[in-house]
mmCIF file of all heavy atoms, coordinates in Angstrom:
data_MODEL
# 
_entry.id   MODEL 
# 
loop_
_atom_site.group_PDB 
_atom_site.id 
_atom_site.type_symbol 
_atom_site.label_atom_id 
_atom_site.label_alt_id 
_atom_site.label_comp_id 
_atom_site.label_asym_id 
_atom_site.label_entity_id 
_atom_site.label_seq_id 
_atom_site.pdbx_PDB_ins_code 
_atom_site.Cartn_x 
_atom_site.Cartn_y 
_atom_site.Cartn_z 
_atom_site.occupancy 
_atom_site.B_iso_or_equiv 
_atom_site.pdbx_formal_charge 
_atom_site.auth_seq_id 
_atom_site.auth_comp_id 
_atom_site.auth_asym_id 
_atom_site.auth_atom_id 
_atom_site.pdbx_PDB_model_num 
ATOM 1   N N   . ARG A 1 1  ? -13.306 1.640  22.215  1.00 0.00 ? 1  ARG A N   1 
ATOM 2   C CA  . ARG A 1 1  ? -13.734 2.545  21.082  1.00 0.00 ? 1  ARG A CA  1 
ATOM 3   C C   . ARG A 1 1  ? -13.671 1.878  19.719  1.00 0.00 ? 1  ARG A C   1 
ATOM 4   O O   . ARG A 1 1  ? -12.797 1.100  19.351  1.00 0.00 ? 1  ARG A O   1 
ATOM 5   C CB  . ARG A 1 1  ? -12.523 3.745  21.036  1.00 0.00 ? 1  ARG A CB  1 
ATOM 6   C CG  . ARG A 1 1  ? -12.343 4.529  22.308  1.00 0.00 ? 1  ARG A CG  1 
ATOM 7   C CD  . ARG A 1 1  ? -13.618 5.411  22.584  1.00 0.00 ? 1  ARG A CD  1 
ATOM 8   N NE  . ARG A 1 1  ? -13.455 6.305  23.611  1.00 0.00 ? 1  ARG A NE  1 
ATOM 9   C CZ  . ARG A 1 1  ? -13.834 6.057  24.918  1.00 0.00 ? 1  ARG A CZ  1 
ATOM 10  N NH1 . ARG A 1 1  ? -14.322 4.943  25.105  1.00 0.00 ? 1  ARG A NH1 1 
ATOM 11  N NH2 . ARG A 1 1  ? -13.692 6.921  25.820  1.00 0.00 ? 1  ARG A NH2 1 
ATOM 12  N N   . ARG A 1 2  ? -14.750 2.142  18.936  1.00 0.00 ? 2  ARG A N   1 
ATOM 13  C CA  . ARG A 1 2  ? -14.916 1.545  17.720  1.00 0.00 ? 2  ARG A CA  1 
ATOM 14  C C   . ARG A 1 2  ? -14.060 2.474  16.685  1.00 0.00 ? 2  ARG A C   1 
ATOM 15  O O   . ARG A 1 2  ? -14.156 3.600  16.684  1.00 0.00 ? 2  ARG A O   1 
ATOM 16  C CB  . ARG A 1 2  ? -16.391 1.573  17.294  1.00 0.00 ? 2  ARG A CB  1 
ATOM 17  C CG  . ARG A 1 2  ? -16.802 0.956  16.192  1.00 0.00 ? 2  ARG A CG  1 
ATOM 18  C CD  . ARG A 1 2  ? -17.128 -0.591 16.340  1.00 0.00 ? 2  ARG A CD  1 
ATOM 19  N NE  . ARG A 1 2  ? -17.642 -1.122 15.098  1.00 0.00 ? 2  ARG A NE  1 
ATOM 20  C CZ  . ARG A 1 2  ? -18.817 -1.189 14.754  1.00 0.00 ? 2  ARG A CZ  1 
ATOM 21  N NH1 . ARG A 1 2  ? -19.776 -0.697 15.523  1.00 0.00 ? 2  ARG A NH1 1 
ATOM 22  N NH2 . ARG A 1 2  ? -19.304 -1.721 13.651  1.00 0.00 ? 2  ARG A NH2 1 
ATOM 23  N N   . ARG A 1 3  ? -13.347 1.800  15.829  1.00 0.00 ? 3  ARG A N   1 
ATOM 24  C CA  . ARG A 1 3  ? -12.528 2.461  14.757  1.00 0.00 ? 3  ARG A CA  1 
ATOM 25  C C   . ARG A 1 3  ? -12.299 1.567  13.606  1.00 0.00 ? 3  ARG A C   1 
ATOM 26  O O   . ARG A 1 3  ? -12.409 0.320  13.725  1.00 0.00 ? 3  ARG A O   1 
ATOM 27  C CB  . ARG A 1 3  ? -11.230 3.066  15.398  1.00 0.00 ? 3  ARG A CB  1 
ATOM 28  C CG  . ARG A 1 3  ? -10.259 2.053  15.872  1.00 0.00 ? 3  ARG A CG  1 
ATOM 29  C CD  . ARG A 1 3  ? -10.401 1.825  17.362  1.00 0.00 ? 3  ARG A CD  1 
ATOM 30  N NE  . ARG A 1 3  ? -9.248  1.212  18.006  1.00 0.00 ? 3  ARG A NE  1 
ATOM 31  C CZ  . ARG A 1 3  ? -9.273  0.555  19.124  1.00 0.00 ? 3  ARG A CZ  1 
ATOM 32  N NH1 . ARG A 1 3  ? -10.462 0.408  19.664  1.00 0.00 ? 3  ARG A NH1 1 
ATOM 33  N NH2 . ARG A 1 3  ? -8.089  -0.123 19.565  1.00 0.00 ? 3  ARG A NH2 1 
ATOM 34  N N   . ARG A 1 4  ? -11.975 2.225  12.392  1.00 0.00 ? 4  ARG A N   1 
ATOM 35  C CA  . ARG A 1 4  ? -11.636 1.540  11.205  1.00 0.00 ? 4  ARG A CA  1 
ATOM 36  C C   . ARG A 1 4  ? -10.442 2.094  10.613  1.00 0.00 ? 4  ARG A C   1 
ATOM 37  O O   . ARG A 1 4  ? -10.333 3.295  10.634  1.00 0.00 ? 4  ARG A O   1 
ATOM 38  C CB  . ARG A 1 4  ? -12.823 1.623  10.270  1.00 0.00 ? 4  ARG A CB  1 
ATOM 39  C CG  . ARG A 1 4  ? -14.168 0.799  10.745  1.00 0.00 ? 4  ARG A CG  1 
ATOM 40  C CD  . ARG A 1 4  ? -15.310 1.108  9.831   1.00 0.00 ? 4  ARG A CD  1 
ATOM 41  N NE  . ARG A 1 4  ? -16.516 0.268  10.145  1.00 0.00 ? 4  ARG A NE  1 
ATOM 42  C CZ  . ARG A 1 4  ? -17.673 0.496  9.685   1.00 0.00 ? 4  ARG A CZ  1 
ATOM 43  N NH1 . ARG A 1 4  ? -17.892 1.488  8.699   1.00 0.00 ? 4  ARG A NH1 1 
ATOM 44  N NH2 . ARG A 1 4  ? -18.673 -0.222 10.006  1.00 0.00 ? 4  ARG A NH2 1 
ATOM 45  N N   . VAL A 1 5  ? -9.690  1.197  9.784   1.00 0.00 ? 5  VAL A N   1 
ATOM 46  C CA  . VAL A 1 5  ? -8.607  1.694  9.073   1.00 0.00 ? 5  VAL A CA  1 
ATOM 47  C C   . VAL A 1 5  ? -8.574  0.977  7.777   1.00 0.00 ? 5  VAL A C   1 
ATOM 48  O O   . VAL A 1 5  ? -9.117  -0.036 7.708   1.00 0.00 ? 5  VAL A O   1 
ATOM 49  C CB  . VAL A 1 5  ? -7.261  1.514  9.786   1.00 0.00 ? 5  VAL A CB  1 
ATOM 50  C CG1 . VAL A 1 5  ? -7.093  2.328  11.066  1.00 0.00 ? 5  VAL A CG1 1 
ATOM 51  C CG2 . VAL A 1 5  ? -6.997  -0.046 10.180  1.00 0.00 ? 5  VAL A CG2 1 
ATOM 52  N N   . TRP A 1 6  ? -8.093  1.617  6.725   1.00 0.00 ? 6  TRP A N   1 
ATOM 53  C CA  . TRP A 1 6  ? -7.940  1.083  5.344   1.00 0.00 ? 6  TRP A CA  1 
ATOM 54  C C   . TRP A 1 6  ? -6.523  1.305  4.750   1.00 0.00 ? 6  TRP A C   1 
ATOM 55  O O   . TRP A 1 6  ? -6.023  2.433  5.016   1.00 0.00 ? 6  TRP A O   1 
ATOM 56  C CB  . TRP A 1 6  ? -8.943  1.788  4.481   1.00 0.00 ? 6  TRP A CB  1 
ATOM 57  C CG  . TRP A 1 6  ? -10.378 1.371  4.843   1.00 0.00 ? 6  TRP A CG  1 
ATOM 58  C CD1 . TRP A 1 6  ? -11.116 0.281  4.292   1.00 0.00 ? 6  TRP A CD1 1 
ATOM 59  C CD2 . TRP A 1 6  ? -11.302 2.265  5.464   1.00 0.00 ? 6  TRP A CD2 1 
ATOM 60  N NE1 . TRP A 1 6  ? -12.424 0.433  4.856   1.00 0.00 ? 6  TRP A NE1 1 
ATOM 61  C CE2 . TRP A 1 6  ? -12.523 1.476  5.555   1.00 0.00 ? 6  TRP A CE2 1 
ATOM 62  C CE3 . TRP A 1 6  ? -11.145 3.470  6.221   1.00 0.00 ? 6  TRP A CE3 1 
ATOM 63  C CZ2 . TRP A 1 6  ? -13.631 2.033  6.342   1.00 0.00 ? 6  TRP A CZ2 1 
ATOM 64  C CZ3 . TRP A 1 6  ? -12.271 3.997  6.968   1.00 0.00 ? 6  TRP A CZ3 1 
ATOM 65  C CH2 . TRP A 1 6  ? -13.505 3.217  6.970   1.00 0.00 ? 6  TRP A CH2 1 
ATOM 66  N N   . PHE A 1 7  ? -6.107  0.329  4.086   1.00 0.00 ? 7  PHE A N   1 
ATOM 67  C CA  . PHE A 1 7  ? -4.820  0.495  3.390   1.00 0.00 ? 7  PHE A CA  1 
ATOM 68  C C   . PHE A 1 7  ? -5.093  0.169  1.899   1.00 0.00 ? 7  PHE A C   1 
ATOM 69  O O   . PHE A 1 7  ? -5.661  -0.791 1.535   1.00 0.00 ? 7  PHE A O   1 
ATOM 70  C CB  . PHE A 1 7  ? -3.670  -0.404 3.917   1.00 0.00 ? 7  PHE A CB  1 
ATOM 71  C CG  . PHE A 1 7  ? -3.357  0.023  5.342   1.00 0.00 ? 7  PHE A CG  1 
ATOM 72  C CD1 . PHE A 1 7  ? -4.100  -0.468 6.491   1.00 0.00 ? 7  PHE A CD1 1 
ATOM 73  C CD2 . PHE A 1 7  ? -2.199  0.769  5.583   1.00 0.00 ? 7  PHE A CD2 1 
ATOM 74  C CE1 . PHE A 1 7  ? -3.745  -0.102 7.802   1.00 0.00 ? 7  PHE A CE1 1 
ATOM 75  C CE2 . PHE A 1 7  ? -1.784  1.079  6.833   1.00 0.00 ? 7  PHE A CE2 1 
ATOM 76  C CZ  . PHE A 1 7  ? -2.509  0.709  7.921   1.00 0.00 ? 7  PHE A CZ  1 
ATOM 77  N N   . ARG A 1 8  ? -4.478  1.019  1.057   1.00 0.00 ? 8  ARG A N   1 
ATOM 78  C CA  . ARG A 1 8  ? -4.596  0.694  -0.461  1.00 0.00 ? 8  ARG A CA  1 
ATOM 79  C C   . ARG A 1 8  ? -3.107  0.804  -0.920  1.00 0.00 ? 8  ARG A C   1 
ATOM 80  O O   . ARG A 1 8  ? -2.282  1.697  -0.747  1.00 0.00 ? 8  ARG A O   1 
ATOM 81  C CB  . ARG A 1 8  ? -5.289  1.826  -1.155  1.00 0.00 ? 8  ARG A CB  1 
ATOM 82  C CG  . ARG A 1 8  ? -5.423  1.563  -2.595  1.00 0.00 ? 8  ARG A CG  1 
ATOM 83  C CD  . ARG A 1 8  ? -6.313  2.635  -3.151  1.00 0.00 ? 8  ARG A CD  1 
ATOM 84  N NE  . ARG A 1 8  ? -7.732  2.485  -2.766  1.00 0.00 ? 8  ARG A NE  1 
ATOM 85  C CZ  . ARG A 1 8  ? -8.388  3.545  -2.355  1.00 0.00 ? 8  ARG A CZ  1 
ATOM 86  N NH1 . ARG A 1 8  ? -7.876  4.674  -2.145  1.00 0.00 ? 8  ARG A NH1 1 
ATOM 87  N NH2 . ARG A 1 8  ? -9.659  3.273  -1.942  1.00 0.00 ? 8  ARG A NH2 1 
ATOM 88  N N   . VAL A 1 9  ? -2.633  -0.400 -1.462  1.00 0.00 ? 9  VAL A N   1 
ATOM 89  C CA  . VAL A 1 9  ? -1.320  -0.645 -1.865  1.00 0.00 ? 9  VAL A CA  1 
ATOM 90  C C   . VAL A 1 9  ? -1.173  -0.441 -3.346  1.00 0.00 ? 9  VAL A C   1 
ATOM 91  O O   . VAL A 1 9  ? -1.881  -1.067 -4.235  1.00 0.00 ? 9  VAL A O   1 
ATOM 92  C CB  . VAL A 1 9  ? -0.811  -2.000 -1.571  1.00 0.00 ? 9  VAL A CB  1 
ATOM 93  C CG1 . VAL A 1 9  ? 0.684   -2.270 -1.968  1.00 0.00 ? 9  VAL A CG1 1 
ATOM 94  C CG2 . VAL A 1 9  ? -1.018  -2.325 -0.027  1.00 0.00 ? 9  VAL A CG2 1 
ATOM 95  N N   . THR A 1 10 ? -0.289  0.324  -3.805  1.00 0.00 ? 10 THR A N   1 
ATOM 96  C CA  . THR A 1 10 ? 0.136   0.522  -5.252  1.00 0.00 ? 10 THR A CA  1 
ATOM 97  C C   . THR A 1 10 ? 1.424   0.065  -5.527  1.00 0.00 ? 10 THR A C   1 
ATOM 98  O O   . THR A 1 10 ? 2.556   0.543  -4.926  1.00 0.00 ? 10 THR A O   1 
ATOM 99  C CB  . THR A 1 10 ? 0.003   2.127  -5.586  1.00 0.00 ? 10 THR A CB  1 
ATOM 100 O OG1 . THR A 1 10 ? -1.309  2.587  -5.344  1.00 0.00 ? 10 THR A OG1 1 
ATOM 101 C CG2 . THR A 1 10 ? 0.287   2.233  -7.047  1.00 0.00 ? 10 THR A CG2 1 
ATOM 102 N N   . PRO A 1 11 ? 1.687   -1.082 -6.258  1.00 0.00 ? 11 PRO A N   1 
ATOM 103 C CA  . PRO A 1 11 ? 2.934   -1.677 -6.408  1.00 0.00 ? 11 PRO A CA  1 
ATOM 104 C C   . PRO A 1 11 ? 3.838   -0.636 -7.189  1.00 0.00 ? 11 PRO A C   1 
ATOM 105 O O   . PRO A 1 11 ? 3.281   0.282  -7.821  1.00 0.00 ? 11 PRO A O   1 
ATOM 106 C CB  . PRO A 1 11 ? 2.660   -2.939 -7.249  1.00 0.00 ? 11 PRO A CB  1 
ATOM 107 C CG  . PRO A 1 11 ? 1.129   -3.103 -7.170  1.00 0.00 ? 11 PRO A CG  1 
ATOM 108 C CD  . PRO A 1 11 ? 0.526   -1.789 -6.789  1.00 0.00 ? 11 PRO A CD  1 
ATOM 109 N N   . PRO A 1 12 ? 5.214   -0.926 -7.099  1.00 0.00 ? 12 PRO A N   1 
ATOM 110 C CA  . PRO A 1 12 ? 6.126   -0.122 -7.964  1.00 0.00 ? 12 PRO A CA  1 
ATOM 111 C C   . PRO A 1 12 ? 5.952   -0.354 -9.348  1.00 0.00 ? 12 PRO A C   1 
ATOM 112 O O   . PRO A 1 12 ? 5.124   -1.142 -9.869  1.00 0.00 ? 12 PRO A O   1 
ATOM 113 C CB  . PRO A 1 12 ? 7.433   -0.512 -7.285  1.00 0.00 ? 12 PRO A CB  1 
ATOM 114 C CG  . PRO A 1 12 ? 7.156   -1.890 -6.735  1.00 0.00 ? 12 PRO A CG  1 
ATOM 115 C CD  . PRO A 1 12 ? 5.793   -1.954 -6.276  1.00 0.00 ? 12 PRO A CD  1 
ATOM 116 N N   . ASP A 1 13 ? 6.648   0.494  -10.091 1.00 0.00 ? 13 ASP A N   1 
ATOM 117 C CA  . ASP A 1 13 ? 6.505   0.413  -11.570 1.00 0.00 ? 13 ASP A CA  1 
ATOM 118 C C   . ASP A 1 13 ? 6.845   -0.895 -12.249 1.00 0.00 ? 13 ASP A C   1 
ATOM 119 O O   . ASP A 1 13 ? 6.209   -1.346 -13.250 1.00 0.00 ? 13 ASP A O   1 
ATOM 120 C CB  . ASP A 1 13 ? 7.547   1.546  -12.244 1.00 0.00 ? 13 ASP A CB  1 
ATOM 121 C CG  . ASP A 1 13 ? 7.153   2.915  -11.764 1.00 0.00 ? 13 ASP A CG  1 
ATOM 122 O OD1 . ASP A 1 13 ? 5.980   3.075  -11.483 1.00 0.00 ? 13 ASP A OD1 1 
ATOM 123 O OD2 . ASP A 1 13 ? 8.003   3.725  -11.880 1.00 0.00 ? 13 ASP A OD2 1 
ATOM 124 N N   . GLY A 1 14 ? 7.548   -1.736 -11.581 1.00 0.00 ? 14 GLY A N   1 
ATOM 125 C CA  . GLY A 1 14 ? 8.068   -2.999 -12.101 1.00 0.00 ? 14 GLY A CA  1 
ATOM 126 C C   . GLY A 1 14 ? 6.851   -4.052 -11.873 1.00 0.00 ? 14 GLY A C   1 
ATOM 127 O O   . GLY A 1 14 ? 6.841   -5.069 -12.569 1.00 0.00 ? 14 GLY A O   1 
ATOM 128 N N   . GLY A 1 15 ? 5.801   -3.633 -11.146 1.00 0.00 ? 15 GLY A N   1 
ATOM 129 C CA  . GLY A 1 15 ? 4.697   -4.528 -10.969 1.00 0.00 ? 15 GLY A CA  1 
ATOM 130 C C   . GLY A 1 15 ? 4.848   -5.535 -9.864  1.00 0.00 ? 15 GLY A C   1 
ATOM 131 O O   . GLY A 1 15 ? 3.888   -6.334 -9.542  1.00 0.00 ? 15 GLY A O   1 
ATOM 132 N N   . SER A 1 16 ? 6.081   -5.721 -9.465  1.00 0.00 ? 16 SER A N   1 
ATOM 133 C CA  . SER A 1 16 ? 6.347   -6.713 -8.462  1.00 0.00 ? 16 SER A CA  1 
ATOM 134 C C   . SER A 1 16 ? 6.743   -6.108 -7.154  1.00 0.00 ? 16 SER A C   1 
ATOM 135 O O   . SER A 1 16 ? 7.680   -5.085 -7.241  1.00 0.00 ? 16 SER A O   1 
ATOM 136 C CB  . SER A 1 16 ? 7.466   -7.765 -8.950  1.00 0.00 ? 16 SER A CB  1 
ATOM 137 O OG  . SER A 1 16 ? 7.794   -8.579 -7.810  1.00 0.00 ? 16 SER A OG  1 
ATOM 138 N N   . PRO A 1 17 ? 6.378   -6.528 -5.950  1.00 0.00 ? 17 PRO A N   1 
ATOM 139 C CA  . PRO A 1 17 ? 6.799   -5.792 -4.660  1.00 0.00 ? 17 PRO A CA  1 
ATOM 140 C C   . PRO A 1 17 ? 8.197   -5.986 -4.504  1.00 0.00 ? 17 PRO A C   1 
ATOM 141 O O   . PRO A 1 17 ? 8.874   -5.063 -3.782  1.00 0.00 ? 17 PRO A O   1 
ATOM 142 C CB  . PRO A 1 17 ? 5.964   -6.688 -3.729  1.00 0.00 ? 17 PRO A CB  1 
ATOM 143 C CG  . PRO A 1 17 ? 4.910   -7.371 -4.381  1.00 0.00 ? 17 PRO A CG  1 
ATOM 144 C CD  . PRO A 1 17 ? 5.390   -7.604 -5.743  1.00 0.00 ? 17 PRO A CD  1 
ATOM 145 N N   . THR A 1 18 ? 8.983   -6.864 -5.141  1.00 0.00 ? 18 THR A N   1 
ATOM 146 C CA  . THR A 1 18 ? 10.384  -6.938 -4.875  1.00 0.00 ? 18 THR A CA  1 
ATOM 147 C C   . THR A 1 18 ? 11.261  -5.983 -5.756  1.00 0.00 ? 18 THR A C   1 
ATOM 148 O O   . THR A 1 18 ? 12.314  -5.884 -5.545  1.00 0.00 ? 18 THR A O   1 
ATOM 149 C CB  . THR A 1 18 ? 10.795  -8.365 -5.243  1.00 0.00 ? 18 THR A CB  1 
ATOM 150 O OG1 . THR A 1 18 ? 10.670  -8.709 -6.539  1.00 0.00 ? 18 THR A OG1 1 
ATOM 151 C CG2 . THR A 1 18 ? 10.203  -9.299 -4.430  1.00 0.00 ? 18 THR A CG2 1 
ATOM 152 N N   . SER A 1 19 ? 10.556  -5.284 -6.862  1.00 0.00 ? 19 SER A N   1 
ATOM 153 C CA  . SER A 1 19 ? 11.347  -4.474 -7.605  1.00 0.00 ? 19 SER A CA  1 
ATOM 154 C C   . SER A 1 19 ? 11.475  -3.033 -7.058  1.00 0.00 ? 19 SER A C   1 
ATOM 155 O O   . SER A 1 19 ? 12.097  -2.296 -7.708  1.00 0.00 ? 19 SER A O   1 
ATOM 156 C CB  . SER A 1 19 ? 10.564  -4.327 -8.942  1.00 0.00 ? 19 SER A CB  1 
ATOM 157 O OG  . SER A 1 19 ? 9.308   -3.852 -8.778  1.00 0.00 ? 19 SER A OG  1 
ATOM 158 N N   . GLY A 1 20 ? 10.946  -2.693 -5.931  1.00 0.00 ? 20 GLY A N   1 
ATOM 159 C CA  . GLY A 1 20 ? 11.036  -1.401 -5.378  1.00 0.00 ? 20 GLY A CA  1 
ATOM 160 C C   . GLY A 1 20 ? 10.081  -1.195 -4.206  1.00 0.00 ? 20 GLY A C   1 
ATOM 161 O O   . GLY A 1 20 ? 9.481   -2.131 -3.742  1.00 0.00 ? 20 GLY A O   1 
ATOM 162 N N   . SER A 1 21 ? 9.967   -0.039 -3.762  1.00 0.00 ? 21 SER A N   1 
ATOM 163 C CA  . SER A 1 21 ? 9.051   0.321  -2.677  1.00 0.00 ? 21 SER A CA  1 
ATOM 164 C C   . SER A 1 21 ? 7.650   0.579  -3.146  1.00 0.00 ? 21 SER A C   1 
ATOM 165 O O   . SER A 1 21 ? 7.433   1.319  -4.218  1.00 0.00 ? 21 SER A O   1 
ATOM 166 C CB  . SER A 1 21 ? 9.505   1.582  -1.924  1.00 0.00 ? 21 SER A CB  1 
ATOM 167 O OG  . SER A 1 21 ? 10.847  1.394  -1.446  1.00 0.00 ? 21 SER A OG  1 
ATOM 168 N N   . SER A 1 22 ? 6.654   0.020  -2.494  1.00 0.00 ? 22 SER A N   1 
ATOM 169 C CA  . SER A 1 22 ? 5.335   0.114  -2.797  1.00 0.00 ? 22 SER A CA  1 
ATOM 170 C C   . SER A 1 22 ? 4.707   1.467  -2.122  1.00 0.00 ? 22 SER A C   1 
ATOM 171 O O   . SER A 1 22 ? 5.219   1.870  -1.080  1.00 0.00 ? 22 SER A O   1 
ATOM 172 C CB  . SER A 1 22 ? 4.520   -0.996 -2.182  1.00 0.00 ? 22 SER A CB  1 
ATOM 173 O OG  . SER A 1 22 ? 4.852   -2.208 -2.866  1.00 0.00 ? 22 SER A OG  1 
ATOM 174 N N   . LEU A 1 23 ? 3.766   2.101  -2.756  1.00 0.00 ? 23 LEU A N   1 
ATOM 175 C CA  . LEU A 1 23 ? 3.117   3.250  -2.183  1.00 0.00 ? 23 LEU A CA  1 
ATOM 176 C C   . LEU A 1 23 ? 1.884   2.799  -1.467  1.00 0.00 ? 23 LEU A C   1 
ATOM 177 O O   . LEU A 1 23 ? 1.030   2.129  -1.985  1.00 0.00 ? 23 LEU A O   1 
ATOM 178 C CB  . LEU A 1 23 ? 2.721   4.191  -3.272  1.00 0.00 ? 23 LEU A CB  1 
ATOM 179 C CG  . LEU A 1 23 ? 2.102   5.558  -2.990  1.00 0.00 ? 23 LEU A CG  1 
ATOM 180 C CD1 . LEU A 1 23 ? 3.030   6.294  -1.982  1.00 0.00 ? 23 LEU A CD1 1 
ATOM 181 C CD2 . LEU A 1 23 ? 1.543   6.363  -4.099  1.00 0.00 ? 23 LEU A CD2 1 
ATOM 182 N N   . VAL A 1 24 ? 1.914   3.019  -0.310  1.00 0.00 ? 24 VAL A N   1 
ATOM 183 C CA  . VAL A 1 24 ? 0.802   2.587  0.655   1.00 0.00 ? 24 VAL A CA  1 
ATOM 184 C C   . VAL A 1 24 ? 0.021   3.940  1.072   1.00 0.00 ? 24 VAL A C   1 
ATOM 185 O O   . VAL A 1 24 ? 0.601   4.830  1.641   1.00 0.00 ? 24 VAL A O   1 
ATOM 186 C CB  . VAL A 1 24 ? 1.272   1.797  1.891   1.00 0.00 ? 24 VAL A CB  1 
ATOM 187 C CG1 . VAL A 1 24 ? 0.023   1.485  2.675   1.00 0.00 ? 24 VAL A CG1 1 
ATOM 188 C CG2 . VAL A 1 24 ? 1.975   0.570  1.389   1.00 0.00 ? 24 VAL A CG2 1 
ATOM 189 N N   . GLU A 1 25 ? -1.244  3.960  0.701   1.00 0.00 ? 25 GLU A N   1 
ATOM 190 C CA  . GLU A 1 25 ? -2.079  5.019  1.176   1.00 0.00 ? 25 GLU A CA  1 
ATOM 191 C C   . GLU A 1 25 ? -3.005  4.583  2.391   1.00 0.00 ? 25 GLU A C   1 
ATOM 192 O O   . GLU A 1 25 ? -3.728  3.480  2.128   1.00 0.00 ? 25 GLU A O   1 
ATOM 193 C CB  . GLU A 1 25 ? -3.038  5.635  0.144   1.00 0.00 ? 25 GLU A CB  1 
ATOM 194 C CG  . GLU A 1 25 ? -3.907  6.704  0.529   1.00 0.00 ? 25 GLU A CG  1 
ATOM 195 C CD  . GLU A 1 25 ? -4.808  7.214  -0.569  1.00 0.00 ? 25 GLU A CD  1 
ATOM 196 O OE1 . GLU A 1 25 ? -4.817  6.583  -1.622  1.00 0.00 ? 25 GLU A OE1 1 
ATOM 197 O OE2 . GLU A 1 25 ? -5.405  8.370  -0.361  1.00 0.00 ? 25 GLU A OE2 1 
ATOM 198 N N   . ALA A 1 26 ? -2.966  5.110  3.431   1.00 0.00 ? 26 ALA A N   1 
ATOM 199 C CA  . ALA A 1 26 ? -3.663  4.770  4.628   1.00 0.00 ? 26 ALA A CA  1 
ATOM 200 C C   . ALA A 1 26 ? -4.707  5.798  5.161   1.00 0.00 ? 26 ALA A C   1 
ATOM 201 O O   . ALA A 1 26 ? -4.368  6.995  5.083   1.00 0.00 ? 26 ALA A O   1 
ATOM 202 C CB  . ALA A 1 26 ? -2.818  4.363  5.884   1.00 0.00 ? 26 ALA A CB  1 
ATOM 203 N N   . GLY A 1 27 ? -5.796  5.340  5.589   1.00 0.00 ? 27 GLY A N   1 
ATOM 204 C CA  . GLY A 1 27 ? -6.845  6.235  6.198   1.00 0.00 ? 27 GLY A CA  1 
ATOM 205 C C   . GLY A 1 27 ? -7.492  5.572  7.485   1.00 0.00 ? 27 GLY A C   1 
ATOM 206 O O   . GLY A 1 27 ? -7.592  4.358  7.558   1.00 0.00 ? 27 GLY A O   1 
# 
C-alpha cells in the first residue's frame, strides 16, 4: 500500500529542544 506521512516540529518557547516538550503536528 502506498502511503505518506508528514511531521512538523514546533520547538518549545525556549527555542531549544532541551528546554521543554516540542509540539509535533503529524498528518
